[in-house]
Each structure stands twice: as structure tokens, then as C-alpha cells.
Amino acid sequence: MLFIIRYSEVWIISKELRVNEAVRCREIRLIGSQGEQLGVMHPRDAMKVAEEQGLDLVEVSPNSKPPVCKIMDYGKYKYEQRKKEREARKNQKTIEVKEVKLRPGIEDHDFNTKVRHAARFLGEGNKVKITIMFRGREITHPELGRELCERVAEDVQDIAKVEKAPKVEGRNMTMMLVPHDSGADKKKK
């Protein structure tokens, strides 16, 4: 059985296996608790074998012909699966997008401070979105924003590269930077 649950904008697909009396087929292929093939038999007979060993009959492959069932401790199996999922989530790195906002008329000291912030974010493994905000008539000079983006890219070129070139979006110009050692780079190599 397959359940799809919506949990705060994250879709979770839960695969619940049929256990013991829930296994309803004419015949099943049975695998023993040690992994040995016990042959094709009726589910009632397989249940008797599982009960004799004090274990559960679990349908592990419902789509095969005939369905494959295994004799195992279902509670222990579920515990180990949850443990593996927790480990996988713990080892998973989430990449955030941090934003650094600048203006075309920014002074050198303020610019250097913003570049240091961007370098720190990149050093933590996050993507950085550089936003140049134009006010009033500044929008008529997008080349000032482009030069500013190029200066930022040049200052952090040893730790990052430009993922998305500077582009005007409304009254803002945006550029995306990614760290050199990100997972996307490793896949390409």
C-alpha cells in the first residue's frame, strides 16, 4: 500500500507493507528468516511457519508474480528502517540562499563589508544572491550595477563562481554566486 501525505509543503511517500493476516493472495513465494527459499505456498501455510518461529509474515514485493513474502520480526525491521532514514537526514546538507543587498552609489568600506559577508556565507556552503537596488533615476544606468556585480564576483573568485549572470528584474539587478566546492561541481567533475 502506498500513502502520500502532505506535510507542510513536503510530500512524504510512505510505503506500508502488508503483514500477517493482511497478506491476501492465492499463493505467495516464501523466503525464510535466514534468506532461504521455502517455495510457493498458500498464505495460511506461510503464516503457520512464521508463527512456529515466533516471527511475522511480511509482503516485501507485492508486484511480483506470485508476491514475495519474508518471515521476519516486523517491529525490528520498522525500527531499523526509521534509524536508516534518520541517519540519511542527518547526513543531508541543506543549501540555503543568502542575500546581500547593495546600491549603485555604495562607498568602498561598505562594499568591502558586504563582500566579507558574502564570502562568509559562501564559506559556510550557501549560495549567495547579490541584489543591486536601484532608486529613482538610477535605473537608467544599469551598467553601474553590472560593474558592481563584476567587482563582487572578482573579489570572491577564489571561493565562488557566478552561477547566474547579472540580470535586471524590475528595479533590481540580481546575480547568483555558488561556492566552488558545492555538490553540483562535484557531479560535473
N, C-alpha and C. Protein backbone atom coordinates (compact mmCIF):
# COMPACT_ATOMS: atom_id res chain seq x y z
N MET A 1 0.83 -1.17 0.00
CA MET A 1 0.00 0.00 0.00
C MET A 1 0.88 1.24 0.00
N LEU A 2 0.50 2.24 -0.73
CA LEU A 2 1.28 3.45 -0.84
C LEU A 2 0.44 4.62 -0.38
N PHE A 3 0.93 5.35 0.62
CA PHE A 3 0.23 6.52 1.13
C PHE A 3 1.03 7.75 0.78
N ILE A 4 0.35 8.79 0.30
CA ILE A 4 1.03 10.05 0.02
C ILE A 4 0.42 11.08 0.97
N ILE A 5 1.29 11.69 1.78
CA ILE A 5 0.86 12.61 2.81
C ILE A 5 1.49 13.97 2.55
N ARG A 6 0.71 15.03 2.66
CA ARG A 6 1.26 16.39 2.51
C ARG A 6 1.56 16.91 3.90
N TYR A 7 2.84 17.19 4.16
CA TYR A 7 3.26 17.67 5.47
C TYR A 7 4.03 18.96 5.28
N SER A 8 3.40 20.08 5.51
CA SER A 8 3.97 21.43 5.40
C SER A 8 4.81 21.60 4.12
N GLU A 9 4.14 21.42 2.98
CA GLU A 9 4.75 21.60 1.67
C GLU A 9 5.82 20.57 1.33
N VAL A 10 5.96 19.52 2.11
CA VAL A 10 6.88 18.43 1.79
C VAL A 10 6.02 17.19 1.60
N TRP A 11 6.15 16.57 0.44
CA TRP A 11 5.35 15.38 0.16
C TRP A 11 6.11 14.16 0.64
N ILE A 12 5.49 13.40 1.54
CA ILE A 12 6.11 12.21 2.10
C ILE A 12 5.40 10.99 1.51
N ILE A 13 6.17 10.10 0.95
CA ILE A 13 5.60 8.87 0.41
C ILE A 13 5.93 7.76 1.39
N SER A 14 4.90 7.20 1.97
CA SER A 14 5.08 6.17 2.98
C SER A 14 4.68 4.82 2.39
N LYS A 15 5.56 3.85 2.48
CA LYS A 15 5.27 2.53 1.95
C LYS A 15 5.01 1.60 3.13
N GLU A 16 3.75 1.32 3.35
CA GLU A 16 3.37 0.39 4.41
C GLU A 16 3.29 -1.01 3.82
N LEU A 17 3.97 -1.95 4.43
CA LEU A 17 3.96 -3.33 3.96
C LEU A 17 2.80 -4.09 4.61
N ARG A 18 2.26 -5.04 3.88
CA ARG A 18 1.20 -5.88 4.44
C ARG A 18 1.83 -6.96 5.32
N VAL A 19 1.24 -7.16 6.49
CA VAL A 19 1.81 -8.07 7.47
C VAL A 19 0.75 -9.09 7.90
N ASN A 20 1.21 -10.33 8.12
CA ASN A 20 0.40 -11.44 8.64
C ASN A 20 -0.94 -11.59 7.93
N GLU A 21 -2.07 -11.36 8.61
CA GLU A 21 -3.39 -11.61 8.02
C GLU A 21 -3.72 -10.65 6.89
N ALA A 22 -3.01 -9.55 6.77
CA ALA A 22 -3.27 -8.58 5.70
C ALA A 22 -2.79 -9.09 4.34
N VAL A 23 -1.97 -10.13 4.33
CA VAL A 23 -1.48 -10.72 3.08
C VAL A 23 -2.62 -11.58 2.53
N ARG A 24 -3.22 -11.12 1.43
CA ARG A 24 -4.38 -11.82 0.87
C ARG A 24 -4.12 -12.10 -0.61
N CYS A 25 -3.59 -13.26 -0.89
CA CYS A 25 -3.33 -13.70 -2.26
C CYS A 25 -3.65 -15.20 -2.31
N ARG A 26 -3.73 -15.73 -3.52
CA ARG A 26 -3.94 -17.18 -3.65
C ARG A 26 -2.69 -17.93 -3.22
N GLU A 27 -1.56 -17.44 -3.70
CA GLU A 27 -0.30 -18.08 -3.34
C GLU A 27 0.81 -17.04 -3.28
N ILE A 28 1.85 -17.34 -2.51
CA ILE A 28 2.98 -16.43 -2.33
C ILE A 28 4.27 -17.21 -2.44
N ARG A 29 5.34 -16.51 -2.77
CA ARG A 29 6.68 -17.11 -2.73
C ARG A 29 7.25 -16.74 -1.37
N LEU A 30 7.65 -17.75 -0.59
CA LEU A 30 8.08 -17.52 0.78
C LEU A 30 9.60 -17.60 0.90
N ILE A 31 10.14 -16.61 1.62
CA ILE A 31 11.57 -16.58 1.93
C ILE A 31 11.68 -16.70 3.44
N GLY A 32 12.54 -17.60 3.90
CA GLY A 32 12.69 -17.84 5.32
C GLY A 32 13.43 -16.72 6.05
N SER A 33 13.52 -16.85 7.36
CA SER A 33 14.14 -15.81 8.18
C SER A 33 15.65 -15.70 7.93
N GLN A 34 16.28 -16.75 7.42
CA GLN A 34 17.71 -16.73 7.12
C GLN A 34 17.99 -16.40 5.65
N GLY A 35 16.92 -16.11 4.86
CA GLY A 35 17.07 -15.76 3.46
C GLY A 35 16.94 -16.94 2.51
N GLU A 36 16.57 -18.12 3.03
CA GLU A 36 16.45 -19.30 2.19
C GLU A 36 15.07 -19.35 1.53
N GLN A 37 15.01 -19.90 0.31
CA GLN A 37 13.76 -20.03 -0.43
C GLN A 37 12.98 -21.21 0.15
N LEU A 38 11.73 -20.96 0.54
CA LEU A 38 10.87 -22.03 1.06
C LEU A 38 9.81 -22.45 0.05
N GLY A 39 9.80 -21.81 -1.13
CA GLY A 39 8.91 -22.21 -2.20
C GLY A 39 7.63 -21.40 -2.28
N VAL A 40 6.74 -21.83 -3.20
CA VAL A 40 5.45 -21.17 -3.41
C VAL A 40 4.41 -21.92 -2.60
N MET A 41 3.62 -21.19 -1.81
CA MET A 41 2.60 -21.83 -0.96
C MET A 41 1.46 -20.87 -0.68
N HIS A 42 0.44 -21.38 -0.03
CA HIS A 42 -0.73 -20.58 0.35
C HIS A 42 -0.35 -19.71 1.55
N PRO A 43 -0.89 -18.48 1.65
CA PRO A 43 -0.54 -17.59 2.77
C PRO A 43 -0.84 -18.19 4.16
N ARG A 44 -1.91 -19.02 4.28
CA ARG A 44 -2.21 -19.62 5.59
C ARG A 44 -1.09 -20.54 6.05
N ASP A 45 -0.55 -21.32 5.09
CA ASP A 45 0.55 -22.22 5.41
C ASP A 45 1.80 -21.42 5.81
N ALA A 46 2.04 -20.33 5.10
CA ALA A 46 3.18 -19.47 5.41
C ALA A 46 3.02 -18.83 6.79
N MET A 47 1.79 -18.46 7.14
CA MET A 47 1.52 -17.89 8.46
C MET A 47 1.85 -18.89 9.56
N LYS A 48 1.50 -20.16 9.33
CA LYS A 48 1.79 -21.21 10.32
C LYS A 48 3.31 -21.34 10.52
N VAL A 49 4.06 -21.30 9.41
CA VAL A 49 5.52 -21.39 9.50
C VAL A 49 6.08 -20.20 10.29
N ALA A 50 5.55 -19.00 10.03
CA ALA A 50 6.02 -17.80 10.72
C ALA A 50 5.68 -17.86 12.20
N GLU A 51 4.46 -18.32 12.53
CA GLU A 51 4.04 -18.42 13.94
C GLU A 51 4.90 -19.43 14.71
N GLU A 52 5.28 -20.52 14.06
CA GLU A 52 6.13 -21.52 14.69
C GLU A 52 7.48 -20.92 15.09
N GLN A 53 7.98 -19.99 14.28
CA GLN A 53 9.27 -19.35 14.56
C GLN A 53 9.11 -18.11 15.45
N GLY A 54 7.85 -17.73 15.74
CA GLY A 54 7.60 -16.56 16.57
C GLY A 54 7.87 -15.25 15.84
N LEU A 55 7.74 -15.26 14.51
CA LEU A 55 8.01 -14.08 13.69
C LEU A 55 6.77 -13.70 12.88
N ASP A 56 6.91 -12.67 12.03
CA ASP A 56 5.80 -12.18 11.22
C ASP A 56 6.00 -12.54 9.75
N LEU A 57 4.89 -12.62 9.02
CA LEU A 57 4.90 -12.82 7.58
C LEU A 57 4.73 -11.44 6.96
N VAL A 58 5.75 -10.98 6.23
CA VAL A 58 5.74 -9.63 5.67
C VAL A 58 5.85 -9.71 4.16
N GLU A 59 4.93 -9.01 3.45
CA GLU A 59 4.94 -8.97 2.00
C GLU A 59 5.96 -7.92 1.56
N VAL A 60 7.10 -8.36 1.01
CA VAL A 60 8.17 -7.44 0.65
C VAL A 60 8.12 -7.00 -0.81
N SER A 61 7.52 -7.79 -1.68
CA SER A 61 7.42 -7.44 -3.09
C SER A 61 6.02 -7.79 -3.59
N PRO A 62 5.04 -6.87 -3.42
CA PRO A 62 3.67 -7.17 -3.78
C PRO A 62 3.41 -7.20 -5.28
N ASN A 63 4.26 -6.61 -6.09
CA ASN A 63 4.01 -6.52 -7.53
C ASN A 63 4.54 -7.69 -8.34
N SER A 64 5.32 -8.57 -7.74
CA SER A 64 5.85 -9.71 -8.49
C SER A 64 4.79 -10.81 -8.58
N LYS A 65 5.01 -11.76 -9.47
CA LYS A 65 4.07 -12.87 -9.67
C LYS A 65 4.77 -14.16 -9.30
N PRO A 66 4.40 -14.88 -8.30
CA PRO A 66 3.49 -14.51 -7.21
C PRO A 66 4.18 -13.53 -6.26
N PRO A 67 3.42 -12.81 -5.41
CA PRO A 67 4.01 -11.87 -4.47
C PRO A 67 5.01 -12.56 -3.55
N VAL A 68 6.10 -11.83 -3.20
CA VAL A 68 7.14 -12.40 -2.36
C VAL A 68 6.92 -11.95 -0.92
N CYS A 69 6.92 -12.92 -0.01
CA CYS A 69 6.78 -12.64 1.41
C CYS A 69 8.00 -13.20 2.14
N LYS A 70 8.35 -12.54 3.24
CA LYS A 70 9.51 -12.96 4.01
C LYS A 70 9.11 -13.11 5.47
N ILE A 71 9.71 -14.07 6.12
CA ILE A 71 9.48 -14.28 7.55
C ILE A 71 10.53 -13.46 8.29
N MET A 72 10.04 -12.48 9.10
CA MET A 72 10.96 -11.60 9.83
C MET A 72 10.23 -10.99 11.02
N ASP A 73 11.00 -10.34 11.89
CA ASP A 73 10.43 -9.59 13.00
C ASP A 73 10.10 -8.21 12.46
N TYR A 74 8.80 -7.94 12.24
CA TYR A 74 8.37 -6.70 11.59
C TYR A 74 8.69 -5.47 12.43
N GLY A 75 8.53 -5.54 13.73
CA GLY A 75 8.84 -4.41 14.60
C GLY A 75 10.30 -4.02 14.51
N LYS A 76 11.19 -5.01 14.51
CA LYS A 76 12.63 -4.75 14.39
C LYS A 76 12.95 -4.16 13.01
N TYR A 77 12.30 -4.66 11.98
CA TYR A 77 12.51 -4.18 10.62
C TYR A 77 12.12 -2.70 10.50
N LYS A 78 10.94 -2.32 11.05
CA LYS A 78 10.49 -0.93 11.00
C LYS A 78 11.44 -0.03 11.78
N TYR A 79 11.92 -0.50 12.93
CA TYR A 79 12.85 0.28 13.74
C TYR A 79 14.13 0.56 12.97
N GLU A 80 14.68 -0.47 12.31
CA GLU A 80 15.91 -0.30 11.54
C GLU A 80 15.71 0.63 10.34
N GLN A 81 14.52 0.58 9.70
CA GLN A 81 14.24 1.47 8.58
C GLN A 81 14.18 2.93 9.05
N ARG A 82 13.52 3.18 10.18
CA ARG A 82 13.45 4.54 10.72
C ARG A 82 14.85 5.04 11.10
N LYS A 83 15.67 4.14 11.65
CA LYS A 83 17.03 4.50 12.03
C LYS A 83 17.84 4.90 10.80
N LYS A 84 17.70 4.16 9.70
CA LYS A 84 18.41 4.47 8.46
C LYS A 84 17.94 5.81 7.90
N GLU A 85 16.63 6.09 7.96
CA GLU A 85 16.10 7.36 7.46
C GLU A 85 16.64 8.53 8.28
N ARG A 86 16.72 8.36 9.60
CA ARG A 86 17.25 9.43 10.46
C ARG A 86 18.71 9.70 10.12
N GLU A 87 19.49 8.65 9.90
CA GLU A 87 20.91 8.81 9.54
C GLU A 87 21.04 9.55 8.21
N ALA A 88 20.19 9.18 7.24
CA ALA A 88 20.24 9.82 5.93
C ALA A 88 19.90 11.30 6.04
N ARG A 89 18.90 11.64 6.87
CA ARG A 89 18.54 13.05 7.06
C ARG A 89 19.63 13.82 7.77
N LYS A 90 20.29 13.16 8.73
CA LYS A 90 21.34 13.83 9.49
C LYS A 90 22.53 14.16 8.59
N ASN A 91 22.85 13.27 7.66
CA ASN A 91 23.99 13.48 6.78
C ASN A 91 23.68 14.39 5.61
N GLN A 92 22.41 14.78 5.45
CA GLN A 92 21.99 15.60 4.34
C GLN A 92 22.31 17.06 4.63
N LYS A 93 22.94 17.74 3.68
CA LYS A 93 23.29 19.15 3.83
C LYS A 93 22.29 19.99 3.06
N THR A 94 21.63 20.92 3.72
CA THR A 94 20.71 21.80 3.03
C THR A 94 21.46 23.07 2.63
N ILE A 95 21.29 23.45 1.39
CA ILE A 95 21.95 24.64 0.89
C ILE A 95 20.94 25.77 0.91
N GLU A 96 21.28 26.83 1.62
CA GLU A 96 20.40 27.99 1.71
C GLU A 96 20.88 29.06 0.75
N VAL A 97 19.98 29.96 0.39
CA VAL A 97 20.34 31.11 -0.44
C VAL A 97 20.34 32.33 0.47
N LYS A 98 21.51 32.91 0.65
CA LYS A 98 21.64 34.13 1.44
C LYS A 98 21.69 35.31 0.48
N GLU A 99 21.14 36.45 0.91
CA GLU A 99 21.08 37.61 0.02
C GLU A 99 21.92 38.76 0.58
N VAL A 100 22.68 39.37 -0.31
CA VAL A 100 23.46 40.56 0.04
C VAL A 100 22.95 41.68 -0.86
N LYS A 101 22.46 42.77 -0.24
CA LYS A 101 21.89 43.89 -1.00
C LYS A 101 22.87 45.05 -1.05
N LEU A 102 23.00 45.62 -2.24
CA LEU A 102 23.90 46.75 -2.47
C LEU A 102 23.15 47.85 -3.23
N ARG A 103 23.71 49.05 -3.22
CA ARG A 103 23.19 50.17 -4.00
C ARG A 103 24.30 50.62 -4.95
N PRO A 104 23.96 51.21 -6.09
CA PRO A 104 24.99 51.63 -7.04
C PRO A 104 25.99 52.63 -6.46
N GLY A 105 25.58 53.50 -5.57
CA GLY A 105 26.48 54.51 -5.02
C GLY A 105 27.14 54.11 -3.73
N ILE A 106 27.36 52.82 -3.50
CA ILE A 106 27.92 52.32 -2.24
C ILE A 106 29.38 52.76 -2.09
N GLU A 107 29.76 53.11 -0.87
CA GLU A 107 31.14 53.52 -0.60
C GLU A 107 32.03 52.27 -0.48
N ASP A 108 33.34 52.46 -0.59
CA ASP A 108 34.29 51.34 -0.60
C ASP A 108 34.27 50.53 0.68
N HIS A 109 34.23 51.18 1.83
CA HIS A 109 34.23 50.45 3.09
C HIS A 109 32.97 49.59 3.23
N ASP A 110 31.82 50.17 2.89
CA ASP A 110 30.57 49.42 2.96
C ASP A 110 30.59 48.25 1.97
N PHE A 111 31.14 48.51 0.79
CA PHE A 111 31.26 47.45 -0.22
C PHE A 111 32.11 46.30 0.31
N ASN A 112 33.26 46.62 0.92
CA ASN A 112 34.14 45.58 1.44
C ASN A 112 33.46 44.78 2.55
N THR A 113 32.67 45.45 3.37
CA THR A 113 31.94 44.76 4.43
C THR A 113 30.94 43.77 3.83
N LYS A 114 30.20 44.22 2.81
CA LYS A 114 29.22 43.35 2.14
C LYS A 114 29.91 42.16 1.48
N VAL A 115 31.08 42.39 0.89
CA VAL A 115 31.82 41.30 0.25
C VAL A 115 32.30 40.29 1.30
N ARG A 116 32.73 40.78 2.46
CA ARG A 116 33.13 39.87 3.55
C ARG A 116 31.95 39.01 4.00
N HIS A 117 30.75 39.63 4.09
CA HIS A 117 29.55 38.85 4.45
C HIS A 117 29.28 37.77 3.41
N ALA A 118 29.36 38.14 2.14
CA ALA A 118 29.14 37.18 1.06
C ALA A 118 30.16 36.05 1.13
N ALA A 119 31.43 36.39 1.38
CA ALA A 119 32.49 35.38 1.47
C ALA A 119 32.23 34.43 2.65
N ARG A 120 31.74 34.98 3.77
CA ARG A 120 31.43 34.13 4.93
C ARG A 120 30.30 33.16 4.58
N PHE A 121 29.23 33.67 3.92
CA PHE A 121 28.12 32.80 3.53
C PHE A 121 28.58 31.71 2.58
N LEU A 122 29.43 32.07 1.62
CA LEU A 122 29.95 31.09 0.67
C LEU A 122 30.83 30.07 1.37
N GLY A 123 31.60 30.52 2.35
CA GLY A 123 32.46 29.61 3.12
C GLY A 123 31.65 28.59 3.91
N GLU A 124 30.43 28.96 4.30
CA GLU A 124 29.54 28.04 5.01
C GLU A 124 28.85 27.07 4.06
N GLY A 125 29.07 27.23 2.74
CA GLY A 125 28.49 26.31 1.77
C GLY A 125 27.16 26.77 1.22
N ASN A 126 26.75 28.02 1.48
CA ASN A 126 25.48 28.54 1.00
C ASN A 126 25.66 29.27 -0.32
N LYS A 127 24.57 29.34 -1.08
CA LYS A 127 24.57 30.18 -2.28
C LYS A 127 24.35 31.61 -1.83
N VAL A 128 24.83 32.56 -2.63
CA VAL A 128 24.65 33.97 -2.30
C VAL A 128 24.01 34.68 -3.50
N LYS A 129 22.92 35.40 -3.22
CA LYS A 129 22.25 36.20 -4.23
C LYS A 129 22.65 37.65 -4.00
N ILE A 130 23.32 38.23 -4.97
CA ILE A 130 23.72 39.63 -4.90
C ILE A 130 22.61 40.45 -5.55
N THR A 131 22.05 41.40 -4.81
CA THR A 131 20.97 42.24 -5.32
C THR A 131 21.43 43.70 -5.31
N ILE A 132 21.40 44.32 -6.49
CA ILE A 132 21.70 45.74 -6.61
C ILE A 132 20.35 46.45 -6.71
N MET A 133 20.04 47.32 -5.74
CA MET A 133 18.75 48.01 -5.71
C MET A 133 18.91 49.40 -6.33
N PHE A 134 18.10 49.68 -7.34
CA PHE A 134 18.11 50.98 -7.99
C PHE A 134 16.95 51.82 -7.47
N ARG A 135 17.21 53.11 -7.22
CA ARG A 135 16.14 54.03 -6.81
C ARG A 135 16.07 55.18 -7.79
N GLY A 136 14.87 55.62 -8.03
CA GLY A 136 14.67 56.79 -8.89
C GLY A 136 15.27 56.63 -10.26
N ARG A 137 16.11 57.59 -10.65
CA ARG A 137 16.68 57.58 -12.00
C ARG A 137 17.91 56.69 -12.12
N GLU A 138 18.33 56.06 -11.04
CA GLU A 138 19.50 55.15 -11.11
C GLU A 138 19.27 54.01 -12.08
N ILE A 139 18.00 53.64 -12.30
CA ILE A 139 17.68 52.51 -13.17
C ILE A 139 18.09 52.79 -14.63
N THR A 140 18.29 54.06 -14.96
CA THR A 140 18.72 54.40 -16.32
C THR A 140 20.19 54.09 -16.56
N HIS A 141 20.91 53.71 -15.49
CA HIS A 141 22.33 53.37 -15.62
C HIS A 141 22.59 51.95 -15.09
N PRO A 142 22.07 50.93 -15.78
CA PRO A 142 22.29 49.54 -15.32
C PRO A 142 23.75 49.12 -15.39
N GLU A 143 24.56 49.84 -16.19
CA GLU A 143 25.99 49.49 -16.28
C GLU A 143 26.69 49.68 -14.94
N LEU A 144 26.21 50.60 -14.10
CA LEU A 144 26.79 50.78 -12.76
C LEU A 144 26.55 49.54 -11.91
N GLY A 145 25.35 49.00 -12.00
CA GLY A 145 25.03 47.77 -11.27
C GLY A 145 25.84 46.59 -11.78
N ARG A 146 25.99 46.50 -13.09
CA ARG A 146 26.77 45.40 -13.69
C ARG A 146 28.23 45.47 -13.25
N GLU A 147 28.80 46.69 -13.21
CA GLU A 147 30.18 46.86 -12.76
C GLU A 147 30.32 46.44 -11.29
N LEU A 148 29.32 46.78 -10.48
CA LEU A 148 29.33 46.41 -9.07
C LEU A 148 29.29 44.88 -8.92
N CYS A 149 28.44 44.23 -9.71
CA CYS A 149 28.35 42.76 -9.68
C CYS A 149 29.69 42.13 -10.08
N GLU A 150 30.31 42.69 -11.11
CA GLU A 150 31.60 42.17 -11.57
C GLU A 150 32.67 42.34 -10.49
N ARG A 151 32.64 43.48 -9.77
CA ARG A 151 33.60 43.70 -8.68
C ARG A 151 33.42 42.66 -7.58
N VAL A 152 32.14 42.36 -7.23
CA VAL A 152 31.87 41.35 -6.20
C VAL A 152 32.39 39.99 -6.67
N ALA A 153 32.07 39.61 -7.90
CA ALA A 153 32.49 38.32 -8.45
C ALA A 153 34.02 38.21 -8.46
N GLU A 154 34.68 39.31 -8.80
CA GLU A 154 36.14 39.32 -8.84
C GLU A 154 36.74 39.15 -7.44
N ASP A 155 36.11 39.80 -6.44
CA ASP A 155 36.63 39.73 -5.06
C ASP A 155 36.46 38.35 -4.43
N VAL A 156 35.47 37.58 -4.87
CA VAL A 156 35.24 36.25 -4.27
C VAL A 156 35.54 35.12 -5.25
N GLN A 157 36.27 35.42 -6.34
CA GLN A 157 36.51 34.41 -7.36
C GLN A 157 37.31 33.21 -6.85
N ASP A 158 38.09 33.37 -5.79
CA ASP A 158 38.87 32.24 -5.27
C ASP A 158 38.00 31.24 -4.50
N ILE A 159 36.84 31.66 -4.01
CA ILE A 159 35.97 30.73 -3.25
C ILE A 159 34.63 30.48 -3.91
N ALA A 160 34.30 31.25 -4.97
CA ALA A 160 32.98 31.11 -5.60
C ALA A 160 33.05 31.37 -7.08
N LYS A 161 31.98 30.96 -7.74
CA LYS A 161 31.84 31.26 -9.17
C LYS A 161 30.43 31.78 -9.41
N VAL A 162 30.24 32.44 -10.53
CA VAL A 162 28.94 33.02 -10.88
C VAL A 162 28.07 31.91 -11.46
N GLU A 163 26.94 31.65 -10.81
CA GLU A 163 26.00 30.64 -11.31
C GLU A 163 25.03 31.28 -12.28
N LYS A 164 24.56 32.49 -11.94
CA LYS A 164 23.62 33.21 -12.79
C LYS A 164 24.16 34.62 -12.99
N ALA A 165 24.38 34.98 -14.23
CA ALA A 165 24.95 36.28 -14.57
C ALA A 165 24.01 37.41 -14.13
N PRO A 166 24.54 38.63 -13.97
CA PRO A 166 23.69 39.76 -13.57
C PRO A 166 22.55 39.99 -14.55
N LYS A 167 21.36 40.18 -13.98
CA LYS A 167 20.16 40.36 -14.81
C LYS A 167 19.25 41.36 -14.13
N VAL A 168 18.69 42.29 -14.90
CA VAL A 168 17.78 43.29 -14.35
C VAL A 168 16.39 42.68 -14.22
N GLU A 169 15.84 42.77 -13.02
CA GLU A 169 14.48 42.29 -12.75
C GLU A 169 13.73 43.42 -12.05
N GLY A 170 12.93 44.15 -12.79
CA GLY A 170 12.23 45.29 -12.22
C GLY A 170 13.21 46.40 -11.90
N ARG A 171 13.23 46.84 -10.63
CA ARG A 171 14.14 47.91 -10.21
C ARG A 171 15.40 47.33 -9.54
N ASN A 172 15.59 46.03 -9.66
CA ASN A 172 16.75 45.37 -9.06
C ASN A 172 17.56 44.65 -10.12
N MET A 173 18.84 44.46 -9.83
CA MET A 173 19.69 43.61 -10.65
C MET A 173 20.18 42.50 -9.74
N THR A 174 20.06 41.25 -10.18
CA THR A 174 20.46 40.12 -9.33
C THR A 174 21.51 39.28 -10.03
N MET A 175 22.36 38.67 -9.20
CA MET A 175 23.39 37.75 -9.66
C MET A 175 23.51 36.66 -8.60
N MET A 176 23.70 35.42 -9.01
CA MET A 176 23.80 34.30 -8.07
C MET A 176 25.22 33.75 -8.06
N LEU A 177 25.77 33.58 -6.85
CA LEU A 177 27.10 33.00 -6.67
C LEU A 177 26.98 31.67 -5.94
N VAL A 178 27.80 30.70 -6.32
CA VAL A 178 27.84 29.40 -5.63
C VAL A 178 29.27 29.10 -5.23
N PRO A 179 29.47 28.42 -4.09
CA PRO A 179 30.83 28.07 -3.68
C PRO A 179 31.44 27.05 -4.64
N HIS A 180 32.74 27.08 -4.80
CA HIS A 180 33.43 26.13 -5.70
C HIS A 180 33.25 24.69 -5.27
N ASP A 181 33.22 24.41 -3.98
CA ASP A 181 33.17 23.02 -3.50
C ASP A 181 31.74 22.53 -3.27
N SER A 182 30.75 23.07 -4.02
CA SER A 182 29.36 22.62 -3.83
C SER A 182 29.16 21.27 -4.50
N GLY A 183 28.08 20.59 -4.15
CA GLY A 183 27.77 19.26 -4.70
C GLY A 183 27.57 19.28 -6.18
N ALA A 184 27.07 20.38 -6.74
CA ALA A 184 26.86 20.48 -8.18
C ALA A 184 28.18 20.40 -8.93
N ASP A 185 29.24 21.02 -8.37
CA ASP A 185 30.54 20.97 -9.01
C ASP A 185 31.13 19.56 -8.97
N LYS A 186 30.91 18.86 -7.87
CA LYS A 186 31.45 17.51 -7.74
C LYS A 186 30.84 16.57 -8.75
N LYS A 187 29.53 16.75 -9.07
CA LYS A 187 28.88 15.89 -10.04
C LYS A 187 29.43 16.10 -11.44
N LYS A 188 29.80 17.35 -11.75
CA LYS A 188 30.30 17.66 -13.09
C LYS A 188 31.70 17.12 -13.32
N LYS A 189 32.49 17.00 -12.26
CA LYS A 189 33.89 16.56 -12.39
C LYS A 189 34.00 15.10 -12.66
